[in-house]
C-alpha atoms as a PDB file:
ATOM      1  CA  MET A   1       0.032   0.004   0.019  1.00  0.00           C
ATOM      2  CA  SER A   2       1.412   3.370  -0.923  1.00  0.00           C
ATOM      3  CA  ASP A   3       1.889   6.101   1.630  1.00  0.00           C
ATOM      4  CA  VAL A   4      -0.888   8.661   2.088  1.00  0.00           C
ATOM      5  CA  ILE A   5       1.533  11.512   2.275  1.00  0.00           C
ATOM      6  CA  GLN A   6       3.412  11.718  -0.932  1.00  0.00           C
ATOM      7  CA  GLU A   7       6.906  12.923  -0.962  1.00  0.00           C
ATOM      8  CA  LEU A   8       7.864  15.767  -3.203  1.00  0.00           C
ATOM      9  CA  PRO A   9       9.996  14.908  -6.179  1.00  0.00           C
ATOM     10  CA  GLN A  10      13.599  14.978  -5.311  1.00  0.00           C
ATOM     11  CA  GLU A  11      14.284  17.998  -7.539  1.00  0.00           C
ATOM     12  CA  VAL A  12      11.768  20.238  -5.665  1.00  0.00           C
ATOM     13  CA  GLN A  13      12.298  19.017  -2.125  1.00  0.00           C
ATOM     14  CA  GLU A  14      13.125  21.964   0.191  1.00  0.00           C
ATOM     15  CA  THR A  15      14.131  22.311   3.807  1.00  0.00           C
ATOM     16  CA  PRO A  16      11.434  23.657   6.344  1.00  0.00           C
ATOM     17  CA  GLN A  17      13.335  26.888   6.495  1.00  0.00           C
ATOM     18  CA  GLU A  18      13.306  27.215   2.700  1.00  0.00           C
ATOM     19  CA  VAL A  19       9.594  26.572   2.712  1.00  0.00           C
ATOM     20  CA  GLU A  20       9.011  29.237   5.301  1.00  0.00           C
ATOM     21  CA  ALA A  21      11.119  31.743   3.401  1.00  0.00           C
ATOM     22  CA  ALA A  22       9.363  30.974   0.184  1.00  0.00           C
ATOM     23  CA  SER A  23       5.964  31.369   1.755  1.00  0.00           C
ATOM     24  CA  ILE A  24       6.547  34.425   3.888  1.00  0.00           C
ATOM     25  CA  GLY A  25       9.624  36.124   2.531  1.00  0.00           C
ATOM     26  CA  ALA A  26      12.572  37.769   4.246  1.00  0.00           C
ATOM     27  CA  GLY A  27      10.461  40.713   5.589  1.00  0.00           C
ATOM     28  CA  GLY A  28       7.536  38.617   6.788  1.00  0.00           C
ATOM     29  CA  ILE A  29       5.382  39.854   3.875  1.00  0.00           C
ATOM     30  CA  PRO A  30       4.307  37.616   1.045  1.00  0.00           C
ATOM     31  CA  GLU A  31       6.478  38.112  -1.989  1.00  0.00           C
ATOM     32  CA  GLY A  32       4.857  40.452  -4.581  1.00  0.00           C
ATOM     33  CA  ALA A  33       2.470  41.950  -2.002  1.00  0.00           C
ATOM     34  CA  ASP A  34       2.171  45.726  -1.175  1.00  0.00           C
ATOM     35  CA  GLU A  35       3.944  46.421   2.095  1.00  0.00           C
ATOM     36  CA  THR A  36       0.964  48.562   3.240  1.00  0.00           C
ATOM     37  CA  GLN A  37      -1.456  45.687   2.969  1.00  0.00           C
ATOM     38  CA  LYS A  38      -2.446  44.292   6.312  1.00  0.00           C
ATOM     39  CA  PRO A  39      -5.782  42.871   7.466  1.00  0.00           C
ATOM     40  CA  SER A  40      -7.808  45.488   9.300  1.00  0.00           C
ATOM     41  CA  ASN A  41      -8.477  43.262  12.296  1.00  0.00           C
ATOM     42  CA  ALA A  42      -4.714  43.239  12.977  1.00  0.00           C
ATOM     43  CA  LEU A  43      -4.906  47.111  13.457  1.00  0.00           C
ATOM     44  CA  ILE A  44      -8.032  46.823  15.502  1.00  0.00           C
ATOM     45  CA  GLY A  45      -6.268  44.365  17.697  1.00  0.00           C
ATOM     46  CA  THR A  46      -3.815  47.050  18.751  1.00  0.00           C
ATOM     47  CA  ILE A  47      -6.676  49.220  20.125  1.00  0.00           C
ATOM     48  CA  GLU A  48      -7.915  48.828  23.692  1.00  0.00           C
ATOM     49  CA  GLU A  49     -11.079  46.818  24.072  1.00  0.00           C
ATOM     50  CA  GLN A  50     -13.118  49.661  25.457  1.00  0.00           C
ATOM     51  CA  TYR A  51     -12.719  51.690  22.232  1.00  0.00           C
ATOM     52  CA  ARG A  52     -13.413  48.901  19.727  1.00  0.00           C
ATOM     53  CA  SER A  53     -17.190  49.255  19.888  1.00  0.00           C
ATOM     54  CA  SER A  54     -16.950  52.774  18.273  1.00  0.00           C
ATOM     55  CA  LYS A  55     -18.840  52.711  14.978  1.00  0.00           C
ATOM     56  CA  THR A  56     -16.510  55.425  13.674  1.00  0.00           C
ATOM     57  CA  LEU A  57     -13.422  53.372  14.337  1.00  0.00           C
ATOM     58  CA  GLN A  58     -15.069  50.267  12.841  1.00  0.00           C
ATOM     59  CA  ASN A  59     -15.896  52.099   9.672  1.00  0.00           C
ATOM     60  CA  LEU A  60     -12.441  53.685   9.357  1.00  0.00           C
ATOM     61  CA  LEU A  61     -10.694  50.368   9.887  1.00  0.00           C
ATOM     62  CA  SER A  62     -12.954  48.304   7.627  1.00  0.00           C
ATOM     63  CA  THR A  63     -10.454  48.824   4.783  1.00  0.00           C
ATOM     64  CA  GLU A  64      -7.674  46.356   4.434  1.00  0.00           C
ATOM     65  CA  ASP A  65      -5.336  49.161   3.470  1.00  0.00           C
ATOM     66  CA  THR A  66      -3.600  50.237   6.727  1.00  0.00           C
ATOM     67  CA  GLY A  67      -2.477  53.492   5.190  1.00  0.00           C
ATOM     68  CA  ASP A  68      -6.010  54.387   4.177  1.00  0.00           C
ATOM     69  CA  ALA A  69      -7.247  53.652   7.664  1.00  0.00           C
ATOM     70  CA  ILE A  70      -4.579  55.855   9.257  1.00  0.00           C
ATOM     71  CA  ARG A  71      -5.296  58.663   6.777  1.00  0.00           C
ATOM     72  CA  GLY A  72      -8.983  58.381   7.578  1.00  0.00           C
ATOM     73  CA  LEU A  73      -8.280  58.686  11.369  1.00  0.00           C
ATOM     74  CA  ALA A  74      -6.114  61.740  10.761  1.00  0.00           C
ATOM     75  CA  LYS A  75      -8.875  63.375   8.666  1.00  0.00           C
ATOM     76  CA  GLN A  76     -11.436  62.600  11.338  1.00  0.00           C
ATOM     77  CA  VAL A  77      -9.280  64.220  14.022  1.00  0.00           C
ATOM     78  CA  TRP A  78      -8.668  67.322  11.816  1.00  0.00           C
ATOM     79  CA  ASN A  79     -12.403  67.763  11.179  1.00  0.00           C
ATOM     80  CA  GLN A  80     -13.241  67.463  14.813  1.00  0.00           C
ATOM     81  CA  GLU A  81     -10.628  70.042  15.737  1.00  0.00           C
ATOM     82  CA  LYS A  82     -11.980  72.319  13.027  1.00  0.00           C
ATOM     83  CA  LEU A  83     -15.498  72.049  14.551  1.00  0.00           C
ATOM     84  CA  ILE A  84     -14.624  72.529  18.206  1.00  0.00           C
ATOM     85  CA  GLY A  85     -11.328  74.539  17.830  1.00  0.00           C
ATOM     86  CA  GLY A  86      -7.876  73.525  18.479  1.00  0.00           C
ATOM     87  CA  ASP A  87      -7.739  75.156  21.828  1.00  0.00           C
ATOM     88  CA  LYS A  88      -9.183  72.825  24.422  1.00  0.00           C
ATOM     89  CA  ILE A  89     -11.723  74.001  26.921  1.00  0.00           C
ATOM     90  CA  PRO A  90     -10.683  72.781  30.399  1.00  0.00           C
ATOM     91  CA  ALA A  91     -13.321  70.741  32.179  1.00  0.00           C
ATOM     92  CA  LEU A  92     -15.204  72.417  34.996  1.00  0.00           C
ATOM     93  CA  LYS A  93     -14.154  70.605  38.115  1.00  0.00           C
ATOM     94  CA  PRO A  94     -16.883  69.681  40.659  1.00  0.00           C
ATOM     95  CA  GLU A  95     -14.723  70.952  43.483  1.00  0.00           C
ATOM     96  CA  SER A  96     -14.307  74.327  41.907  1.00  0.00           C
ATOM     97  CA  SER A  97     -15.411  77.301  44.110  1.00  0.00           C
ATOM     98  CA  LYS A  98     -18.415  79.437  43.203  1.00  0.00           C
ATOM     99  CA  GLU A  99     -16.087  82.172  41.959  1.00  0.00           C
ATOM    100  CA  GLU A 100     -14.071  79.719  39.869  1.00  0.00           C
ATOM    101  CA  LYS A 101     -17.196  78.268  38.320  1.00  0.00           C
ATOM    102  CA  GLN A 102     -18.558  81.733  37.477  1.00  0.00           C
ATOM    103  CA  ASP A 103     -15.158  82.677  35.929  1.00  0.00           C
ATOM    104  CA  TRP A 104     -15.349  79.486  33.794  1.00  0.00           C
ATOM    105  CA  TYR A 105     -18.781  80.424  32.537  1.00  0.00           C
ATOM    106  CA  ASN A 106     -17.721  83.956  31.701  1.00  0.00           C
ATOM    107  CA  THR A 107     -14.446  82.976  30.100  1.00  0.00           C
ATOM    108  CA  TYR A 108     -15.273  79.889  28.092  1.00  0.00           C
ATOM    109  CA  LEU A 109     -19.027  80.104  27.393  1.00  0.00           C
ATOM    110  CA  GLY A 110     -19.207  83.854  27.023  1.00  0.00           C
ATOM    111  CA  VAL A 111     -21.846  84.380  29.788  1.00  0.00           C
ATOM    112  CA  PRO A 112     -22.187  88.144  30.476  1.00  0.00           C
ATOM    113  CA  GLU A 113     -20.686  89.234  33.769  1.00  0.00           C
ATOM    114  CA  THR A 114     -23.693  91.269  34.891  1.00  0.00           C
ATOM    115  CA  ALA A 115     -27.466  91.045  34.392  1.00  0.00           C
ATOM    116  CA  ASP A 116     -27.449  94.531  32.741  1.00  0.00           C
ATOM    117  CA  SER A 117     -25.128  93.253  30.069  1.00  0.00           C
ATOM    118  CA  TYR A 118     -27.852  91.080  28.563  1.00  0.00           C
ATOM    119  CA  LEU A 119     -29.943  92.471  25.716  1.00  0.00           C
ATOM    120  CA  VAL A 120     -33.729  91.978  25.748  1.00  0.00           C
ATOM    121  CA  PRO A 121     -35.735  93.812  23.116  1.00  0.00           C
ATOM    122  CA  GLU A 122     -38.817  95.824  23.952  1.00  0.00           C
ATOM    123  CA  ASN A 123     -40.860  94.015  21.325  1.00  0.00           C
ATOM    124  CA  ILE A 124     -40.946  90.410  20.286  1.00  0.00           C
ATOM    125  CA  VAL A 125     -42.418  89.493  16.962  1.00  0.00           C
ATOM    126  CA  LEU A 126     -44.994  86.703  17.527  1.00  0.00           C
ATOM    127  CA  GLY A 127     -46.382  86.303  14.056  1.00  0.00           C
ATOM    128  CA  LYS A 128     -48.336  88.126  11.425  1.00  0.00           C
ATOM    129  CA  THR A 129     -51.988  89.232  10.998  1.00  0.00           C
ATOM    130  CA  GLU A 130     -54.086  88.146   8.009  1.00  0.00           C
ATOM    131  CA  GLU A 131     -53.096  91.414   6.390  1.00  0.00           C
ATOM    132  CA  GLY A 132     -49.366  90.505   6.737  1.00  0.00           C
ATOM    133  CA  GLU A 133     -48.533  92.927   9.544  1.00  0.00           C
ATOM    134  CA  ASP A 134     -46.301  91.901  12.406  1.00  0.00           C
ATOM    135  CA  VAL A 135     -47.890  90.978  15.744  1.00  0.00           C
ATOM    136  CA  PHE A 136     -45.760  92.152  18.641  1.00  0.00           C
ATOM    137  CA  SER A 137     -45.502  91.281  22.347  1.00  0.00           C
ATOM    138  CA  GLN A 138     -44.388  94.467  24.065  1.00  0.00           C
ATOM    139  CA  LEU A 139     -42.226  93.849  27.125  1.00  0.00           C
ATOM    140  CA  SER A 140     -42.311  96.232  30.035  1.00  0.00           C
ATOM    141  CA  GLU A 141     -39.007  97.337  31.643  1.00  0.00           C
ATOM    142  CA  ASP A 142     -39.818  95.216  34.709  1.00  0.00           C
ATOM    143  CA  ARG A 143     -40.433  92.132  32.496  1.00  0.00           C
ATOM    144  CA  ARG A 144     -37.116  92.731  30.614  1.00  0.00           C
ATOM    145  CA  ASP A 145     -35.279  93.101  33.917  1.00  0.00           C
ATOM    146  CA  ALA A 146     -36.799  89.850  35.196  1.00  0.00           C
ATOM    147  CA  TYR A 147     -35.601  88.017  32.100  1.00  0.00           C
ATOM    148  CA  LYS A 148     -32.110  89.424  32.586  1.00  0.00           C
ATOM    149  CA  SER A 149     -31.993  88.348  36.233  1.00  0.00           C
ATOM    150  CA  LEU A 150     -33.215  84.861  35.265  1.00  0.00           C
ATOM    151  CA  ALA A 151     -30.480  84.610  32.615  1.00  0.00           C
ATOM    152  CA  LYS A 152     -27.706  85.745  34.993  1.00  0.00           C
ATOM    153  CA  ASN A 153     -28.827  83.413  37.811  1.00  0.00           C
ATOM    154  CA  SER A 154     -28.906  80.517  35.338  1.00  0.00           C
ATOM    155  CA  ASN A 155     -25.618  81.437  33.659  1.00  0.00           C
ATOM    156  CA  LEU A 156     -27.229  81.634  30.215  1.00  0.00           C
ATOM    157  CA  THR A 157     -25.438  82.958  27.173  1.00  0.00           C
ATOM    158  CA  GLN A 158     -27.004  85.888  25.226  1.00  0.00           C
ATOM    159  CA  ASP A 159     -28.159  83.449  22.475  1.00  0.00           C
ATOM    160  CA  GLN A 160     -29.762  81.152  25.001  1.00  0.00           C
ATOM    161  CA  LEU A 161     -31.575  84.065  26.663  1.00  0.00           C
ATOM    162  CA  SER A 162     -32.819  85.364  23.254  1.00  0.00           C
ATOM    163  CA  SER A 163     -34.206  81.907  22.381  1.00  0.00           C
ATOM    164  CA  LEU A 164     -35.774  81.590  25.876  1.00  0.00           C
ATOM    165  CA  VAL A 165     -37.533  84.970  25.665  1.00  0.00           C
ATOM    166  CA  GLU A 166     -38.862  84.299  22.178  1.00  0.00           C
ATOM    167  CA  ASN A 167     -40.235  80.845  23.098  1.00  0.00           C
ATOM    168  CA  LEU A 168     -41.750  81.931  26.461  1.00  0.00           C
ATOM    169  CA  GLU A 169     -43.425  84.959  24.924  1.00  0.00           C
ATOM    170  CA  GLN A 170     -44.806  82.820  22.052  1.00  0.00           C
ATOM    171  CA  THR A 171     -46.083  80.169  24.416  1.00  0.00           C
ATOM    172  CA  GLU A 172     -47.776  82.815  26.565  1.00  0.00           C
ATOM    173  CA  ALA A 173     -49.411  84.459  23.535  1.00  0.00           C
ATOM    174  CA  ASN A 174     -50.683  81.070  22.442  1.00  0.00           C
ATOM    175  CA  GLN A 175     -52.186  80.428  25.903  1.00  0.00           C
ATOM    176  CA  ARG A 176     -53.825  83.868  25.933  1.00  0.00           C
ATOM    177  CA  SER A 177     -55.297  83.199  22.522  1.00  0.00           C
ATOM    178  CA  LEU A 178     -56.759  79.873  23.613  1.00  0.00           C
ATOM    179  CA  ALA A 179     -58.096  81.459  26.869  1.00  0.00           C
ATOM    180  CA  SER A 180     -59.660  84.289  24.911  1.00  0.00           C
ATOM    181  CA  GLN A 181     -61.369  81.799  22.573  1.00  0.00           C
ATOM    182  CA  ASP A 182     -62.698  79.858  25.524  1.00  0.00           C
ATOM    183  CA  LEU A 183     -63.842  83.105  27.206  1.00  0.00           C
ATOM    184  CA  ASP A 184     -65.757  84.242  24.094  1.00  0.00           C
ATOM    185  CA  LYS A 185     -67.505  80.944  23.956  1.00  0.00           C
ATOM    186  CA  ASN A 186     -68.407  81.100  27.646  1.00  0.00           C
ATOM    187  CA  VAL A 187     -69.664  84.692  27.499  1.00  0.00           C
ATOM    188  CA  LYS A 188     -71.872  83.887  24.476  1.00  0.00           C
ATOM    189  CA  LYS A 189     -73.192  80.898  26.352  1.00  0.00           C
ATOM    190  CA  TYR A 190     -73.954  82.979  29.446  1.00  0.00           C
ATOM    191  CA  MET A 191     -75.762  85.708  27.327  1.00  0.00           C
ATOM    192  CA  SER A 192     -77.899  83.020  25.687  1.00  0.00           C
ATOM    193  CA  GLU A 193     -78.866  81.592  29.077  1.00  0.00           C
ATOM    194  CA  LEU A 194     -79.774  84.988  30.470  1.00  0.00           C
ATOM    195  CA  TYR A 195     -81.760  85.944  27.393  1.00  0.00           C
ATOM    196  CA  ALA A 196     -83.642  82.676  27.585  1.00  0.00           C
ATOM    197  CA  GLU A 197     -84.518  83.315  31.214  1.00  0.00           C
ATOM    198  CA  PHE A 198     -85.425  87.118  31.021  1.00  0.00           C
ATOM    199  CA  GLY A 199     -86.654  87.473  27.513  1.00  0.00           C
ATOM    200  CA  PRO A 200     -87.813  91.105  26.882  1.00  0.00           C
ATOM    201  CA  ALA A 201     -86.382  92.130  30.281  1.00  0.00           C
ATOM    202  CA  TYR A 202     -82.861  90.971  29.265  1.00  0.00           C
ATOM    203  CA  ARG A 203     -81.609  94.439  28.389  1.00  0.00           C
ATOM    204  CA  SER A 204     -82.957  96.145  31.530  1.00  0.00           C
ATOM    205  CA  THR A 205     -81.557  93.234  33.593  1.00  0.00           C
ATOM    206  CA  ILE A 206     -78.053  93.807  32.174  1.00  0.00           C
ATOM    207  CA  GLU A 207     -78.342  97.610  32.746  1.00  0.00           C
ATOM    208  CA  ALA A 208     -79.355  97.051  36.395  1.00  0.00           C
ATOM    209  CA  ALA A 209     -76.483  94.527  36.840  1.00  0.00           C
ATOM    210  CA  ASN A 210     -73.998  97.005  35.464  1.00  0.00           C
ATOM    211  CA  TYR A 211     -75.322  99.766  37.731  1.00  0.00           C
ATOM    212  CA  GLY A 212     -75.162  97.524  40.790  1.00  0.00           C
ATOM    213  CA  TYR A 213     -71.663  96.289  39.821  1.00  0.00           C
ATOM    214  CA  ASN A 214     -70.348  99.811  39.304  1.00  0.00           C
ATOM    215  CA  GLN A 215     -71.862 100.977  42.623  1.00  0.00           C
ATOM    216  CA  PHE A 216     -70.490  98.044  44.554  1.00  0.00           C
ATOM    217  CA  PHE A 217     -66.908  97.880  43.190  1.00  0.00           C
ATOM    218  CA  PRO A 218     -64.639 100.879  42.871  1.00  0.00           C
ATOM    219  CA  GLU A 219     -62.917 101.307  39.491  1.00  0.00           C
ATOM    220  CA  GLU A 220     -59.549  99.930  40.797  1.00  0.00           C
ATOM    221  CA  LEU A 221     -61.135  96.642  41.680  1.00  0.00           C
ATOM    222  CA  ARG A 222     -63.282  96.433  38.586  1.00  0.00           C
ATOM    223  CA  LYS A 223     -60.128  96.276  36.524  1.00  0.00           C
ATOM    224  CA  LEU A 224     -59.092  93.129  38.387  1.00  0.00           C
ATOM    225  CA  MET A 225     -62.339  91.212  37.992  1.00  0.00           C
ATOM    226  CA  PRO A 226     -62.142  88.318  35.530  1.00  0.00           C
ATOM    227  CA  VAL A 227     -64.533  88.682  32.564  1.00  0.00           C
ATOM    228  CA  ASN A 228     -65.735  85.113  32.841  1.00  0.00           C
ATOM    229  CA  ILE A 229     -66.790  85.828  36.468  1.00  0.00           C
ATOM    230  CA  ILE A 230     -68.678  89.026  35.961  1.00  0.00           C
ATOM    231  CA  ASN A 231     -70.587  87.567  32.976  1.00  0.00           C
ATOM    232  CA  HIS A 232     -71.621  84.460  34.818  1.00  0.00           C
ATOM    233  CA  PRO A 233     -75.484  84.253  35.038  1.00  0.00           C
ATOM    234  CA  ASP A 234     -75.480  83.969  38.815  1.00  0.00           C
ATOM    235  CA  PHE A 235     -73.267  86.991  39.104  1.00  0.00           C
ATOM    236  CA  VAL A 236     -75.293  89.067  36.687  1.00  0.00           C
ATOM    237  CA  LYS A 237     -78.576  88.214  38.468  1.00  0.00           C
ATOM    238  CA  ALA A 238     -77.185  89.004  41.901  1.00  0.00           C
ATOM    239  CA  PHE A 239     -75.971  92.460  40.814  1.00  0.00           C
ATOM    240  CA  ALA A 240     -79.137  93.064  38.880  1.00  0.00           C
ATOM    241  CA  ASN A 241     -81.036  92.769  42.162  1.00  0.00           C
ATOM    242  CA  HIS A 242     -78.486  94.866  43.920  1.00  0.00           C
ATOM    243  CA  GLY A 243     -78.769  97.549  41.234  1.00  0.00           C
ATOM    244  CA  ASN A 244     -82.522  97.592  41.299  1.00  0.00           C
ATOM    245  CA  ASN A 245     -82.497  97.917  45.130  1.00  0.00           C
ATOM    246  CA  ILE A 246     -80.112 100.878  44.970  1.00  0.00           C
ATOM    247  CA  GLN A 247     -82.211 102.627  42.378  1.00  0.00           C
ATOM    248  CA  ASP A 248     -85.336 102.068  44.434  1.00  0.00           C
ATOM    249  CA  ASP A 249     -83.611 103.513  47.548  1.00  0.00           C
ATOM    250  CA  GLN A 250     -82.362 106.509  45.578  1.00  0.00           C
ATOM    251  CA  ALA A 251     -85.645 107.275  43.898  1.00  0.00           C
ATOM    252  CA  VAL A 252     -86.192 110.976  44.698  1.00  0.00           C
ATOM    253  CA  THR A 253     -89.090 113.293  43.971  1.00  0.00           C
ATOM    254  CA  THR A 254     -89.297 116.926  44.556  1.00  0.00           C
ATOM    255  CA  LYS A 255     -91.765 119.754  43.896  1.00  0.00           C
ATOM    256  CA  VAL A 256     -90.957 122.832  42.012  1.00  0.00           C
ATOM    257  CA  ASP A 257     -93.625 125.511  41.837  1.00  0.00           C
ATOM    258  CA  GLY A 258     -96.140 122.839  42.778  1.00  0.00           C
ATOM    259  CA  ARG A 259     -95.034 120.370  40.067  1.00  0.00           C
ATOM    260  CA  THR A 260     -93.726 116.853  41.064  1.00  0.00           C
ATOM    261  CA  ILE A 261     -90.362 116.073  39.474  1.00  0.00           C
ATOM    262  CA  SER A 262     -89.406 112.413  39.428  1.00  0.00           C
ATOM    263  CA  THR A 263     -87.655 111.610  36.085  1.00  0.00           C
ATOM    264  CA  PRO A 264     -84.031 112.622  35.108  1.00  0.00           C
ATOM    265  CA  ASP A 265     -85.249 114.439  31.990  1.00  0.00           C
ATOM    266  CA  ASP A 266     -87.770 116.522  33.956  1.00  0.00           C
ATOM    267  CA  ALA A 267     -85.078 117.292  36.590  1.00  0.00           C
ATOM    268  CA  LYS A 268     -82.522 118.419  33.960  1.00  0.00           C
ATOM    269  CA  ARG A 269     -85.140 120.814  32.493  1.00  0.00           C
ATOM    270  CA  GLU A 270     -85.925 122.223  35.901  1.00  0.00           C
ATOM    271  CA  ILE A 271     -82.238 122.735  36.544  1.00  0.00           C
ATOM    272  CA  GLN A 272     -81.955 124.816  33.342  1.00  0.00           C
ATOM    273  CA  THR A 273     -84.993 126.784  34.448  1.00  0.00           C
ATOM    274  CA  LEU A 274     -83.639 127.299  37.967  1.00  0.00           C
ATOM    275  CA  HIS A 275     -80.174 128.404  36.725  1.00  0.00           C
ATOM    276  CA  SER A 276     -81.711 130.894  34.376  1.00  0.00           C
ATOM    277  CA  SER A 277     -83.910 132.465  37.024  1.00  0.00           C
ATOM    278  CA  GLU A 278     -83.165 135.921  38.364  1.00  0.00           C
ATOM    279  CA  ALA A 279     -82.779 134.587  41.901  1.00  0.00           C
ATOM    280  CA  TRP A 280     -80.029 132.091  40.827  1.00  0.00           C
ATOM    281  CA  LYS A 281     -78.168 134.865  38.986  1.00  0.00           C
ATOM    282  CA  ARG A 282     -78.193 136.949  42.170  1.00  0.00           C
ATOM    283  CA  LEU A 283     -76.887 133.909  44.038  1.00  0.00           C
ATOM    284  CA  THR A 284     -73.976 133.330  41.617  1.00  0.00           C
ATOM    285  CA  LYS A 285     -73.177 137.073  41.672  1.00  0.00           C
ATOM    286  CA  ARG A 286     -73.137 136.997  45.573  1.00  0.00           C
ATOM    287  CA  ASP A 287     -75.786 139.753  45.783  1.00  0.00           C
ATOM    288  CA  PRO A 288     -75.499 140.981  49.376  1.00  0.00           C
ATOM    289  CA  ASP A 289     -79.204 141.805  49.394  1.00  0.00           C
ATOM    290  CA  LEU A 290     -80.138 138.125  48.821  1.00  0.00           C
ATOM    291  CA  SER A 291     -81.457 136.747  52.104  1.00  0.00           C
ATOM    292  CA  VAL A 292     -79.897 133.727  53.753  1.00  0.00           C
ATOM    293  CA  GLN A 293     -83.201 131.899  53.586  1.00  0.00           C
ATOM    294  CA  GLU A 294     -83.444 132.471  49.777  1.00  0.00           C
ATOM    295  CA  LYS A 295     -79.845 131.235  49.340  1.00  0.00           C
ATOM    296  CA  GLU A 296     -80.649 128.005  51.282  1.00  0.00           C
ATOM    297  CA  ARG A 297     -83.891 127.484  49.317  1.00  0.00           C
ATOM    298  CA  LEU A 298     -82.085 127.778  45.945  1.00  0.00           C
ATOM    299  CA  LEU A 299     -79.207 125.466  46.948  1.00  0.00           C
ATOM    300  CA  ALA A 300     -81.480 122.866  48.411  1.00  0.00           C
ATOM    301  CA  ALA A 301     -83.693 122.805  45.259  1.00  0.00           C
ATOM    302  CA  ASN A 302     -80.584 122.543  43.064  1.00  0.00           C
ATOM    303  CA  GLU A 303     -79.318 119.611  45.086  1.00  0.00           C
ATOM    304  CA  ARG A 304     -82.653 117.740  44.987  1.00  0.00           C
ATOM    305  CA  LEU A 305     -82.890 118.177  41.200  1.00  0.00           C
ATOM    306  CA  TYR A 306     -79.331 116.961  40.646  1.00  0.00           C
ATOM    307  CA  LYS A 307     -80.029 113.762  42.615  1.00  0.00           C
ATOM    308  CA  ILE A 308     -82.928 113.015  40.255  1.00  0.00           C
ATOM    309  CA  ALA A 309     -81.178 114.147  37.067  1.00  0.00           C
ATOM    310  CA  TYR A 310     -77.837 112.359  37.710  1.00  0.00           C
ATOM    311  CA  PRO A 311     -78.442 109.345  39.946  1.00  0.00           C
ATOM    312  CA  ASP A 312     -75.201 107.595  38.859  1.00  0.00           C
ATOM    313  CA  ASN A 313     -73.189 110.423  40.421  1.00  0.00           C
ATOM    314  CA  ILE A 314     -74.677 109.877  43.836  1.00  0.00           C
ATOM    315  CA  SER A 315     -71.961 108.756  46.254  1.00  0.00           C
END
């Protein structure tokens, strides 16, 4: 039986060293191969395990050309330095003092050193009307100062503050718009309910409610009352009753030359008649011959007529 392993012919037999040299070559690179050729996993093998999961590295080293891989890494580093700058920003250490942290924010992030150094515009453009005109949110000085203080306390940059102001003002405007729409719906609903209940007396009820409301609340408080509250049917009915009661209590009549005066129009005409009388002219001219009793009579009549003619001015 012949041997399984066949010997080479005598003329081509080589020593193990010769076989190794023929297969690998003197420099450890296969003869005829480019010296830059090297399997990529060999280069990856020189990188610490914790970095090998990087997709960027895996892509760069996927080529079998080691020179291309190195050139790719160099280009990647150059691009990153171009984006972030060659000068390195030192890390902010947790143990840094408050003053050191503030100096770091000012120096490396460009945070203004004082609140007054921030810029907040008086008007923020929120959008456009249907006619194409800009819609502004006008910021008061106090509101602008509040934004500046917030930015300084939060170590915001100027760009961050500008973005914050614009977004907050836009959000608030949207909320006001939605609230206004809801309010309009509620007011219309309340008016419909009141009209259904009072019918022909709806207008007089509203007038009585306004009168009672204006008599009960001073102007400073009326400005603070929410519209959805003062238009609620229960509120309107309560102040309509209050207004009617006040008007009943203030109903005044007086007699002038034997005539009973009870309406505002009648009273206004009587006032004109009184002021054009000879006695009133003597009063305004301070006639020394006008008796004290006549003066008191004229003034009392004038006061009674004014109460009837201008009931809203009664305090």
